[in-house]
């Protein structure tokens, strides 16, 4: 999956990009600190988690994904 740095991705697409479940991504968003912390914000009328593309790219690098 190609990740654009300026685009916002919903939790479903974050899970696909990171190759994990949506529950795992939700835990990454709620993590207090450390390498398993994924920065994001709740957006939209239903207040669902979203992450910026550049944050997903940095997160993948921290977890040593093979790109």
N, C-alpha and C. Protein backbone atom coordinates (compact mmCIF):
# COMPACT_ATOMS: atom_id res chain seq x y z
N UNK A 1 0.85 -1.19 0.00
CA UNK A 1 0.00 0.00 0.00
C UNK A 1 0.89 1.25 0.00
N UNK A 2 0.64 2.15 -0.93
CA UNK A 2 1.37 3.41 -1.02
C UNK A 2 0.77 4.40 -0.04
N UNK A 3 1.61 4.99 0.80
CA UNK A 3 1.15 5.94 1.82
C UNK A 3 1.58 7.34 1.40
N UNK A 4 0.62 8.25 1.30
CA UNK A 4 0.90 9.65 1.00
C UNK A 4 1.06 10.40 2.31
N UNK A 5 2.12 11.19 2.45
CA UNK A 5 2.45 11.80 3.73
C UNK A 5 1.44 12.85 4.21
N UNK A 6 0.73 13.52 3.30
CA UNK A 6 -0.19 14.58 3.72
C UNK A 6 -1.64 14.13 3.83
N UNK A 7 -1.91 12.88 3.60
CA UNK A 7 -3.29 12.38 3.61
C UNK A 7 -3.63 11.79 4.99
N UNK A 8 -4.89 11.94 5.42
CA UNK A 8 -5.36 11.35 6.66
C UNK A 8 -5.93 9.96 6.35
N UNK A 9 -5.56 8.96 7.16
CA UNK A 9 -6.00 7.59 6.96
C UNK A 9 -6.85 7.13 8.14
N UNK A 10 -8.03 6.56 7.86
CA UNK A 10 -8.86 6.02 8.95
C UNK A 10 -8.24 4.74 9.51
N UNK A 11 -8.73 4.32 10.62
CA UNK A 11 -8.16 3.17 11.34
C UNK A 11 -8.13 1.91 10.47
N UNK A 12 -9.11 1.73 9.59
CA UNK A 12 -9.15 0.55 8.72
C UNK A 12 -7.95 0.54 7.77
N UNK A 13 -7.65 1.70 7.18
CA UNK A 13 -6.52 1.78 6.26
C UNK A 13 -5.19 1.73 7.00
N UNK A 14 -5.16 2.25 8.22
CA UNK A 14 -3.95 2.16 9.04
C UNK A 14 -3.63 0.69 9.31
N UNK A 15 -4.66 -0.09 9.63
CA UNK A 15 -4.47 -1.51 9.90
C UNK A 15 -3.93 -2.22 8.66
N UNK A 16 -4.45 -1.88 7.49
CA UNK A 16 -3.98 -2.50 6.26
C UNK A 16 -2.53 -2.10 5.97
N UNK A 17 -2.18 -0.84 6.19
CA UNK A 17 -0.82 -0.37 5.93
C UNK A 17 0.19 -1.01 6.88
N UNK A 18 -0.23 -1.24 8.12
CA UNK A 18 0.67 -1.80 9.13
C UNK A 18 0.58 -3.33 9.20
N UNK A 19 -0.37 -3.90 8.45
CA UNK A 19 -0.57 -5.36 8.40
C UNK A 19 -0.87 -5.94 9.78
N UNK A 20 -1.74 -5.25 10.52
CA UNK A 20 -2.21 -5.71 11.83
C UNK A 20 -3.72 -5.54 11.88
N UNK A 21 -4.34 -5.94 12.99
CA UNK A 21 -5.79 -5.79 13.13
C UNK A 21 -6.14 -4.36 13.53
N UNK A 22 -7.41 -4.01 13.37
CA UNK A 22 -7.88 -2.69 13.78
C UNK A 22 -7.77 -2.51 15.29
N UNK A 23 -7.97 -3.59 16.04
CA UNK A 23 -7.82 -3.52 17.50
C UNK A 23 -6.39 -3.17 17.90
N UNK A 24 -5.42 -3.72 17.19
CA UNK A 24 -4.02 -3.42 17.47
C UNK A 24 -3.72 -1.95 17.19
N UNK A 25 -4.26 -1.42 16.09
CA UNK A 25 -4.04 -0.01 15.75
C UNK A 25 -4.68 0.88 16.82
N UNK A 26 -5.86 0.51 17.29
CA UNK A 26 -6.52 1.29 18.35
C UNK A 26 -5.66 1.31 19.61
N UNK A 27 -5.00 0.19 19.92
CA UNK A 27 -4.09 0.16 21.08
C UNK A 27 -2.89 1.07 20.85
N UNK A 28 -2.37 1.11 19.61
CA UNK A 28 -1.25 1.99 19.30
C UNK A 28 -1.64 3.46 19.50
N UNK A 29 -2.85 3.82 19.11
CA UNK A 29 -3.32 5.20 19.30
C UNK A 29 -3.43 5.55 20.78
N UNK A 30 -3.87 4.59 21.60
CA UNK A 30 -4.09 4.86 23.03
C UNK A 30 -2.84 4.70 23.88
N UNK A 31 -1.75 4.18 23.31
CA UNK A 31 -0.53 3.97 24.07
C UNK A 31 -0.02 5.31 24.62
N UNK A 32 0.50 5.27 25.82
CA UNK A 32 0.95 6.50 26.49
C UNK A 32 2.24 7.06 25.89
N UNK A 33 3.24 6.19 25.71
CA UNK A 33 4.50 6.64 25.12
C UNK A 33 5.31 5.44 24.68
N UNK A 34 6.39 5.69 23.99
CA UNK A 34 7.26 4.62 23.55
C UNK A 34 7.17 4.37 22.05
N UNK A 35 7.87 3.34 21.60
CA UNK A 35 7.94 3.07 20.17
C UNK A 35 6.61 2.55 19.62
N UNK A 36 5.73 2.05 20.46
CA UNK A 36 4.44 1.53 20.00
C UNK A 36 3.34 2.59 20.05
N UNK A 37 3.68 3.87 20.15
CA UNK A 37 2.72 4.97 20.18
C UNK A 37 2.53 5.50 18.77
N UNK A 38 1.28 5.52 18.31
CA UNK A 38 0.94 6.07 16.99
C UNK A 38 0.13 7.34 17.22
N UNK A 39 0.66 8.46 16.78
CA UNK A 39 -0.05 9.73 16.95
C UNK A 39 -1.17 9.84 15.94
N UNK A 40 -2.28 10.34 16.38
CA UNK A 40 -3.42 10.55 15.51
C UNK A 40 -4.46 11.38 16.22
N UNK A 41 -5.61 11.52 15.60
CA UNK A 41 -6.69 12.26 16.24
C UNK A 41 -8.02 11.71 15.79
N UNK A 42 -9.03 11.99 16.58
CA UNK A 42 -10.38 11.57 16.22
C UNK A 42 -10.97 12.65 15.33
N UNK A 43 -11.48 12.23 14.16
CA UNK A 43 -11.99 13.17 13.17
C UNK A 43 -13.35 12.71 12.67
N UNK A 44 -14.05 13.64 12.05
CA UNK A 44 -15.32 13.33 11.42
C UNK A 44 -16.50 13.35 12.38
N UNK A 45 -17.70 13.18 11.83
CA UNK A 45 -18.90 13.26 12.66
C UNK A 45 -19.02 12.11 13.66
N UNK A 46 -18.39 10.97 13.37
CA UNK A 46 -18.47 9.83 14.29
C UNK A 46 -17.23 9.70 15.17
N UNK A 47 -16.32 10.68 15.06
CA UNK A 47 -15.13 10.73 15.89
C UNK A 47 -14.35 9.41 15.88
N UNK A 48 -13.94 8.99 14.69
CA UNK A 48 -13.11 7.79 14.55
C UNK A 48 -11.65 8.21 14.43
N UNK A 49 -10.76 7.33 14.88
CA UNK A 49 -9.33 7.60 14.83
C UNK A 49 -8.83 7.69 13.39
N UNK A 50 -7.96 8.67 13.16
CA UNK A 50 -7.27 8.86 11.89
C UNK A 50 -5.81 9.18 12.17
N UNK A 51 -4.94 8.76 11.27
CA UNK A 51 -3.51 9.08 11.39
C UNK A 51 -3.04 9.74 10.10
N UNK A 52 -2.16 10.67 10.23
CA UNK A 52 -1.55 11.33 9.08
C UNK A 52 -0.56 10.36 8.43
N UNK A 53 -0.46 10.41 7.12
CA UNK A 53 0.42 9.51 6.39
C UNK A 53 1.85 9.53 6.86
N UNK A 54 2.37 10.73 7.13
CA UNK A 54 3.77 10.83 7.58
C UNK A 54 3.96 10.14 8.93
N UNK A 55 2.94 10.12 9.78
CA UNK A 55 3.02 9.43 11.06
C UNK A 55 3.06 7.90 10.85
N UNK A 56 2.28 7.41 9.89
CA UNK A 56 2.32 5.98 9.56
C UNK A 56 3.69 5.58 9.04
N UNK A 57 4.27 6.42 8.20
CA UNK A 57 5.60 6.13 7.66
C UNK A 57 6.63 6.07 8.78
N UNK A 58 6.60 7.05 9.69
CA UNK A 58 7.54 7.06 10.83
C UNK A 58 7.32 5.85 11.73
N UNK A 59 6.06 5.49 11.96
CA UNK A 59 5.73 4.35 12.81
C UNK A 59 6.29 3.06 12.21
N UNK A 60 6.12 2.90 10.91
CA UNK A 60 6.65 1.71 10.22
C UNK A 60 8.17 1.65 10.36
N UNK A 61 8.86 2.79 10.28
CA UNK A 61 10.32 2.82 10.43
C UNK A 61 10.71 2.44 11.85
N UNK A 62 9.99 2.94 12.85
CA UNK A 62 10.30 2.61 14.25
C UNK A 62 10.15 1.12 14.52
N UNK A 63 9.19 0.48 13.86
CA UNK A 63 8.96 -0.95 14.06
C UNK A 63 9.74 -1.82 13.07
N UNK A 64 10.60 -1.19 12.26
CA UNK A 64 11.49 -1.88 11.32
C UNK A 64 10.74 -2.73 10.30
N UNK A 65 9.70 -2.15 9.71
CA UNK A 65 9.01 -2.82 8.60
C UNK A 65 9.92 -2.81 7.39
N UNK A 66 9.82 -3.82 6.55
CA UNK A 66 10.58 -3.86 5.31
C UNK A 66 9.77 -3.22 4.20
N UNK A 67 10.17 -2.05 3.76
CA UNK A 67 9.45 -1.34 2.69
C UNK A 67 10.08 -1.59 1.35
